[in-house]
Amino acid sequence: MTHNQVKIGCDRSGTPNYHKNTSKTVTSRNIDCPFRLYAREYSKSITWTLTVKNPEHSHDATENYMAHPTLINFNNQDTSQISQMSELFLMPRKIQAQLRIQREAERSLILQDISKQGRPTARKKSHLFSY
């Protein structure tokens, strides 16, 4: 009798969610990686079994583990600085360079994450320049 079940997959599993009716370039980490594990806890014996359904990954290992999305956490100071620089219409690459200088390359900063963080503020201000 199974009590708990856990399905474990690669963080790059899943199909990319591309929309055909958009002019924006959309990026996704999902590449339909087939790697799968299943774990089951049996309540009577208090043991777990681990079954490897597919041991293969369809991609190479990430070279820089600090680029992993779960490790990218902007603190309040980062968020504030990114918002301020976005309001000045600085490009994400310039923001990235500035933050790296201030932190002395403490951890990796990914352009896409900087863009996501600063985008809402930049959108609010963009109406000032529409003719």
Protein backbone atom coordinates (compact mmCIF):
# COMPACT_ATOMS: atom_id res chain seq x y z
CA MET A 1 0.00 0.00 0.00
CA THR A 2 1.48 3.32 -1.05
CA HIS A 3 1.31 6.28 1.27
CA ASN A 4 3.28 9.02 -0.47
CA GLN A 5 4.46 9.36 -4.04
CA VAL A 6 6.91 11.88 -5.44
CA LYS A 7 7.60 12.46 -9.11
CA ILE A 8 10.96 14.05 -9.85
CA GLY A 9 11.91 15.48 -13.21
CA CYS A 10 14.59 17.64 -14.70
CA ASP A 11 14.05 21.38 -14.28
CA ARG A 12 14.30 21.57 -18.08
CA SER A 13 11.49 19.08 -18.67
CA GLY A 14 8.27 20.27 -20.20
CA THR A 15 7.46 21.75 -23.54
CA PRO A 16 8.46 25.35 -24.25
CA ASN A 17 5.38 27.57 -24.11
CA TYR A 18 5.76 29.53 -27.32
CA HIS A 19 2.86 31.60 -28.57
CA LYS A 20 2.48 31.86 -32.34
CA ASN A 21 0.53 35.12 -32.31
CA THR A 22 3.19 37.36 -30.83
CA SER A 23 5.95 39.51 -32.21
CA LYS A 24 8.07 39.14 -29.07
CA THR A 25 11.00 36.78 -28.85
CA VAL A 26 10.20 34.35 -26.08
CA THR A 27 12.82 32.27 -24.32
CA SER A 28 12.25 29.21 -22.21
CA ARG A 29 14.46 26.84 -20.23
CA ASN A 30 12.09 23.98 -21.04
CA ILE A 31 13.41 21.66 -23.74
CA ASP A 32 11.30 18.55 -23.07
CA CYS A 33 14.06 16.71 -21.17
CA PRO A 34 12.89 13.10 -20.57
CA PHE A 35 14.70 12.49 -17.23
CA ARG A 36 12.25 11.08 -14.62
CA LEU A 37 12.43 9.53 -11.16
CA TYR A 38 9.58 8.20 -9.03
CA ALA A 39 9.81 7.74 -5.26
CA ARG A 40 7.25 5.89 -3.16
CA GLU A 41 6.97 5.59 0.58
CA TYR A 42 5.42 2.42 1.92
CA SER A 43 3.67 3.18 5.20
CA LYS A 44 3.81 -0.33 6.69
CA SER A 45 7.58 -0.68 6.42
CA ILE A 46 8.47 3.03 6.50
CA THR A 47 10.70 2.57 3.48
CA TRP A 48 11.04 4.39 0.21
CA THR A 49 11.65 2.92 -3.21
CA LEU A 50 13.22 4.95 -5.96
CA THR A 51 12.48 4.02 -9.56
CA VAL A 52 14.40 5.55 -12.43
CA LYS A 53 11.95 5.82 -15.32
CA ASN A 54 14.35 7.55 -17.69
CA PRO A 55 18.00 8.21 -16.74
CA GLU A 56 18.79 10.25 -19.85
CA HIS A 57 18.95 14.03 -20.14
CA SER A 58 18.57 15.66 -23.56
CA HIS A 59 21.09 18.40 -22.69
CA ASP A 60 24.51 18.92 -21.15
CA ALA A 61 24.93 19.79 -17.50
CA THR A 62 24.78 23.47 -16.63
CA GLU A 63 28.31 24.86 -16.50
CA ASN A 64 27.53 27.58 -13.99
CA TYR A 65 25.23 26.30 -11.26
CA MET A 66 24.74 29.86 -9.97
CA ALA A 67 22.72 30.56 -13.12
CA HIS A 68 20.03 28.14 -11.97
CA PRO A 69 16.68 29.94 -11.47
CA THR A 70 16.22 28.62 -7.94
CA LEU A 71 19.46 30.30 -6.86
CA ILE A 72 18.62 33.72 -8.27
CA ASN A 73 17.09 35.71 -5.46
CA PHE A 74 17.31 39.45 -5.66
CA ASN A 75 17.36 41.09 -2.26
CA ASN A 76 15.51 44.37 -1.60
CA GLN A 77 18.60 46.43 -2.41
CA ASP A 78 19.05 44.62 -5.75
CA THR A 79 15.39 45.08 -6.62
CA SER A 80 15.52 48.77 -5.79
CA GLN A 81 18.69 49.35 -7.84
CA ILE A 82 17.35 47.43 -10.84
CA SER A 83 14.11 49.43 -10.73
CA GLN A 84 15.97 52.74 -10.51
CA MET A 85 18.29 51.87 -13.39
CA SER A 86 15.35 50.60 -15.47
CA GLU A 87 13.56 53.92 -14.95
CA LEU A 88 16.63 55.56 -16.48
CA PHE A 89 16.19 53.21 -19.46
CA LEU A 90 19.52 51.47 -18.93
CA MET A 91 19.84 48.25 -20.87
CA PRO A 92 20.01 45.00 -18.83
CA ARG A 93 23.66 44.49 -19.86
CA LYS A 94 24.61 47.87 -18.33
CA ILE A 95 22.63 47.07 -15.17
CA GLN A 96 24.38 43.71 -14.96
CA ALA A 97 27.81 45.34 -15.28
CA GLN A 98 27.01 47.92 -12.60
CA LEU A 99 25.72 45.33 -10.13
CA ARG A 100 28.77 43.13 -10.71
CA ILE A 101 31.09 46.05 -9.94
CA GLN A 102 29.19 46.84 -6.73
CA ARG A 103 29.24 43.24 -5.52
CA GLU A 104 32.69 42.35 -6.78
CA ALA A 105 31.24 39.42 -8.77
CA GLU A 106 29.69 37.90 -5.66
CA ARG A 107 27.37 35.71 -7.76
CA SER A 108 26.30 35.39 -11.34
CA LEU A 109 23.70 37.77 -12.65
CA ILE A 110 21.70 36.65 -15.64
CA LEU A 111 20.50 39.26 -18.12
CA GLN A 112 17.09 37.64 -18.51
CA ASP A 113 16.45 37.83 -14.77
CA ILE A 114 17.53 41.47 -14.64
CA SER A 115 15.18 42.19 -17.56
CA LYS A 116 12.28 40.47 -15.79
CA GLN A 117 12.97 42.37 -12.58
CA GLY A 118 13.14 45.79 -14.25
CA ARG A 119 10.50 45.33 -16.93
CA PRO A 120 7.36 46.43 -15.01
CA THR A 121 8.90 49.77 -14.07
CA ALA A 122 10.18 50.38 -17.59
CA ARG A 123 6.72 49.68 -19.00
CA LYS A 124 5.11 52.24 -16.70
CA LYS A 125 7.49 54.96 -17.87
CA SER A 126 7.42 54.06 -21.58
CA HIS A 127 4.18 55.99 -22.19
CA LEU A 128 6.12 59.24 -21.68
CA PHE A 129 7.82 58.80 -25.02
CA SER A 130 4.88 57.78 -27.21
CA TYR A 131 3.89 60.28 -29.88
